[in-house]
């Protein structure tokens, strides 16, 4: 976050998105991502399949119980249209995305406020998985 703000001039805008800190969940995902990236290339795909399988088993089983398995399958095929990449590639990208940094919204706000930024806008992921997005304006006259 320090480096992101370096080129911003007085009155300039800083846009930043950072994964929401989910406590234990974030710690587990960081370990998964680190493990994936330290594996030999030949083991990365089987590892991704294992992680994906564990992640997808619940929604898949629930769709069968609810007699909505075709909707579950359709969600996979429609994913490309809504996200711009296949669900499989998105999940592999997620599993392999390392380094993985997280922060609570107030940590981001406090960090940039201490460096003379004013928060213009924030869009949180509602306390769930995803990124919180921030827009700040640099205003050095507000420095403590």
Protein backbone atom coordinates (compact mmCIF):
# COMPACT_ATOMS: atom_id res chain seq x y z
CA UNK A 1 0.00 0.00 0.00
CA UNK A 2 2.97 2.27 0.61
CA UNK A 3 4.24 1.91 -2.94
CA UNK A 4 0.78 2.42 -4.47
CA UNK A 5 0.57 5.93 -3.06
CA UNK A 6 4.06 7.11 -4.00
CA UNK A 7 3.26 8.55 -7.46
CA UNK A 8 0.08 10.37 -6.34
CA UNK A 9 0.39 14.16 -6.49
CA UNK A 10 -1.35 16.67 -4.23
CA UNK A 11 -5.06 16.63 -5.14
CA UNK A 12 -4.60 13.36 -7.04
CA UNK A 13 -6.74 10.25 -6.74
CA UNK A 14 -5.71 6.86 -5.43
CA UNK A 15 -7.84 3.85 -6.32
CA UNK A 16 -7.07 0.65 -4.45
CA UNK A 17 -8.72 -2.73 -3.95
CA UNK A 18 -7.52 -5.23 -1.38
CA UNK A 19 -8.95 -8.54 -0.23
CA UNK A 20 -11.14 -8.31 2.84
CA UNK A 21 -9.51 -9.80 5.94
CA UNK A 22 -11.64 -12.79 6.95
CA UNK A 23 -9.51 -13.87 9.90
CA UNK A 24 -9.02 -17.65 9.92
CA UNK A 25 -10.46 -18.02 6.45
CA UNK A 26 -7.82 -15.65 5.05
CA UNK A 27 -5.05 -17.48 6.92
CA UNK A 28 -6.17 -20.83 5.45
CA UNK A 29 -6.35 -19.44 1.90
CA UNK A 30 -2.88 -17.92 2.23
CA UNK A 31 -1.52 -21.35 3.23
CA UNK A 32 -3.30 -23.01 0.28
CA UNK A 33 -1.93 -20.40 -2.13
CA UNK A 34 1.60 -20.69 -0.73
CA UNK A 35 1.45 -24.49 -0.94
CA UNK A 36 0.25 -24.39 -4.56
CA UNK A 37 3.08 -22.07 -5.55
CA UNK A 38 5.77 -24.13 -3.82
CA UNK A 39 4.68 -27.40 -5.44
CA UNK A 40 6.45 -28.72 -8.52
CA UNK A 41 4.51 -27.74 -11.65
CA UNK A 42 3.48 -31.38 -12.20
CA UNK A 43 1.62 -31.41 -8.86
CA UNK A 44 -0.10 -28.03 -9.14
CA UNK A 45 -3.00 -29.27 -11.27
CA UNK A 46 -3.84 -32.25 -8.99
CA UNK A 47 -3.61 -29.93 -5.98
CA UNK A 48 -5.96 -27.41 -7.65
CA UNK A 49 -8.42 -30.21 -8.47
CA UNK A 50 -8.34 -31.36 -4.84
CA UNK A 51 -8.89 -27.86 -3.45
CA UNK A 52 -11.62 -27.21 -6.03
CA UNK A 53 -13.31 -30.50 -5.26
CA UNK A 54 -13.39 -29.74 -1.55
CA UNK A 55 -14.72 -26.27 -2.27
CA UNK A 56 -17.38 -27.39 -4.74
CA UNK A 57 -18.65 -30.53 -2.99
CA UNK A 58 -21.12 -28.65 -0.77
CA UNK A 59 -22.86 -26.60 -3.49
CA UNK A 60 -22.92 -29.64 -5.76
CA UNK A 61 -24.49 -31.91 -3.11
CA UNK A 62 -27.01 -29.22 -2.16
CA UNK A 63 -28.01 -28.84 -5.81
CA UNK A 64 -28.64 -32.61 -6.00
CA UNK A 65 -30.68 -32.59 -2.77
CA UNK A 66 -32.74 -29.66 -4.04
CA UNK A 67 -33.18 -31.35 -7.43
CA UNK A 68 -31.42 -28.41 -9.08
CA UNK A 69 -28.29 -30.09 -10.40
CA UNK A 70 -28.92 -28.80 -13.92
CA UNK A 71 -28.85 -25.24 -12.53
CA UNK A 72 -25.54 -25.99 -10.84
CA UNK A 73 -24.10 -27.20 -14.17
CA UNK A 74 -25.59 -24.20 -15.97
CA UNK A 75 -23.85 -21.86 -13.49
CA UNK A 76 -20.53 -23.33 -14.66
CA UNK A 77 -21.33 -22.84 -18.33
CA UNK A 78 -22.67 -19.28 -17.85
CA UNK A 79 -19.69 -18.20 -15.78
CA UNK A 80 -17.61 -17.26 -18.84
CA UNK A 81 -20.23 -14.76 -19.96
CA UNK A 82 -20.47 -13.04 -16.60
CA UNK A 83 -16.77 -13.07 -15.61
CA UNK A 84 -14.89 -13.10 -18.90
CA UNK A 85 -13.08 -16.37 -18.18
CA UNK A 86 -14.09 -19.93 -17.50
CA UNK A 87 -14.93 -20.82 -13.93
CA UNK A 88 -12.16 -23.40 -13.95
CA UNK A 89 -9.51 -20.85 -14.97
CA UNK A 90 -10.85 -18.35 -12.45
CA UNK A 91 -10.58 -20.92 -9.65
CA UNK A 92 -7.06 -22.00 -10.66
CA UNK A 93 -6.12 -18.32 -10.82
CA UNK A 94 -7.60 -17.86 -7.33
CA UNK A 95 -5.82 -20.91 -5.88
CA UNK A 96 -2.49 -19.86 -7.38
CA UNK A 97 -2.78 -16.12 -6.68
CA UNK A 98 0.13 -15.44 -4.37
CA UNK A 99 1.24 -13.29 -2.62
CA UNK A 100 -2.13 -12.88 -0.94
CA UNK A 101 -2.54 -9.75 1.13
CA UNK A 102 -5.64 -8.85 3.14
CA UNK A 103 -6.77 -5.93 5.29
CA UNK A 104 -9.83 -4.77 7.18
CA UNK A 105 -11.43 -1.61 5.75
CA UNK A 106 -10.46 0.44 8.80
CA UNK A 107 -6.82 -0.61 8.42
CA UNK A 108 -6.75 0.70 4.85
CA UNK A 109 -8.52 3.90 5.87
CA UNK A 110 -6.17 4.52 8.81
CA UNK A 111 -3.07 3.76 6.73
CA UNK A 112 -3.90 6.32 4.05
CA UNK A 113 -5.35 8.92 6.42
CA UNK A 114 -1.98 8.94 8.23
CA UNK A 115 -0.36 9.78 4.86
CA UNK A 116 -2.62 12.74 4.12
CA UNK A 117 -5.43 11.08 2.16
CA UNK A 118 -9.14 11.71 2.43
CA UNK A 119 -11.55 8.86 1.71
CA UNK A 120 -13.89 9.78 -1.15
CA UNK A 121 -15.63 6.48 -1.61
CA UNK A 122 -15.56 2.93 -0.31
CA UNK A 123 -17.28 -0.18 -1.59
CA UNK A 124 -16.96 -3.12 0.77
CA UNK A 125 -17.71 -6.73 0.01
CA UNK A 126 -20.14 -6.76 2.91
CA UNK A 127 -17.94 -8.69 5.32
CA UNK A 128 -17.55 -11.62 2.94
CA UNK A 129 -14.99 -12.94 0.49
CA UNK A 130 -13.78 -10.44 -2.07
CA UNK A 131 -12.08 -7.09 -2.33
CA UNK A 132 -12.92 -3.85 -0.61
CA UNK A 133 -12.49 -0.94 -3.03
CA UNK A 134 -11.38 2.55 -2.02
CA UNK A 135 -11.00 5.94 -3.67
CA UNK A 136 -8.86 8.49 -1.84
CA UNK A 137 -7.78 12.05 -2.61
CA UNK A 138 -4.32 13.18 -1.53
CA UNK A 139 -4.58 16.25 0.66
CA UNK A 140 -1.28 16.92 2.42
CA UNK A 141 -2.74 19.78 4.42
CA UNK A 142 -4.61 17.23 6.54
CA UNK A 143 -1.51 15.43 7.75
CA UNK A 144 -1.44 15.02 11.55
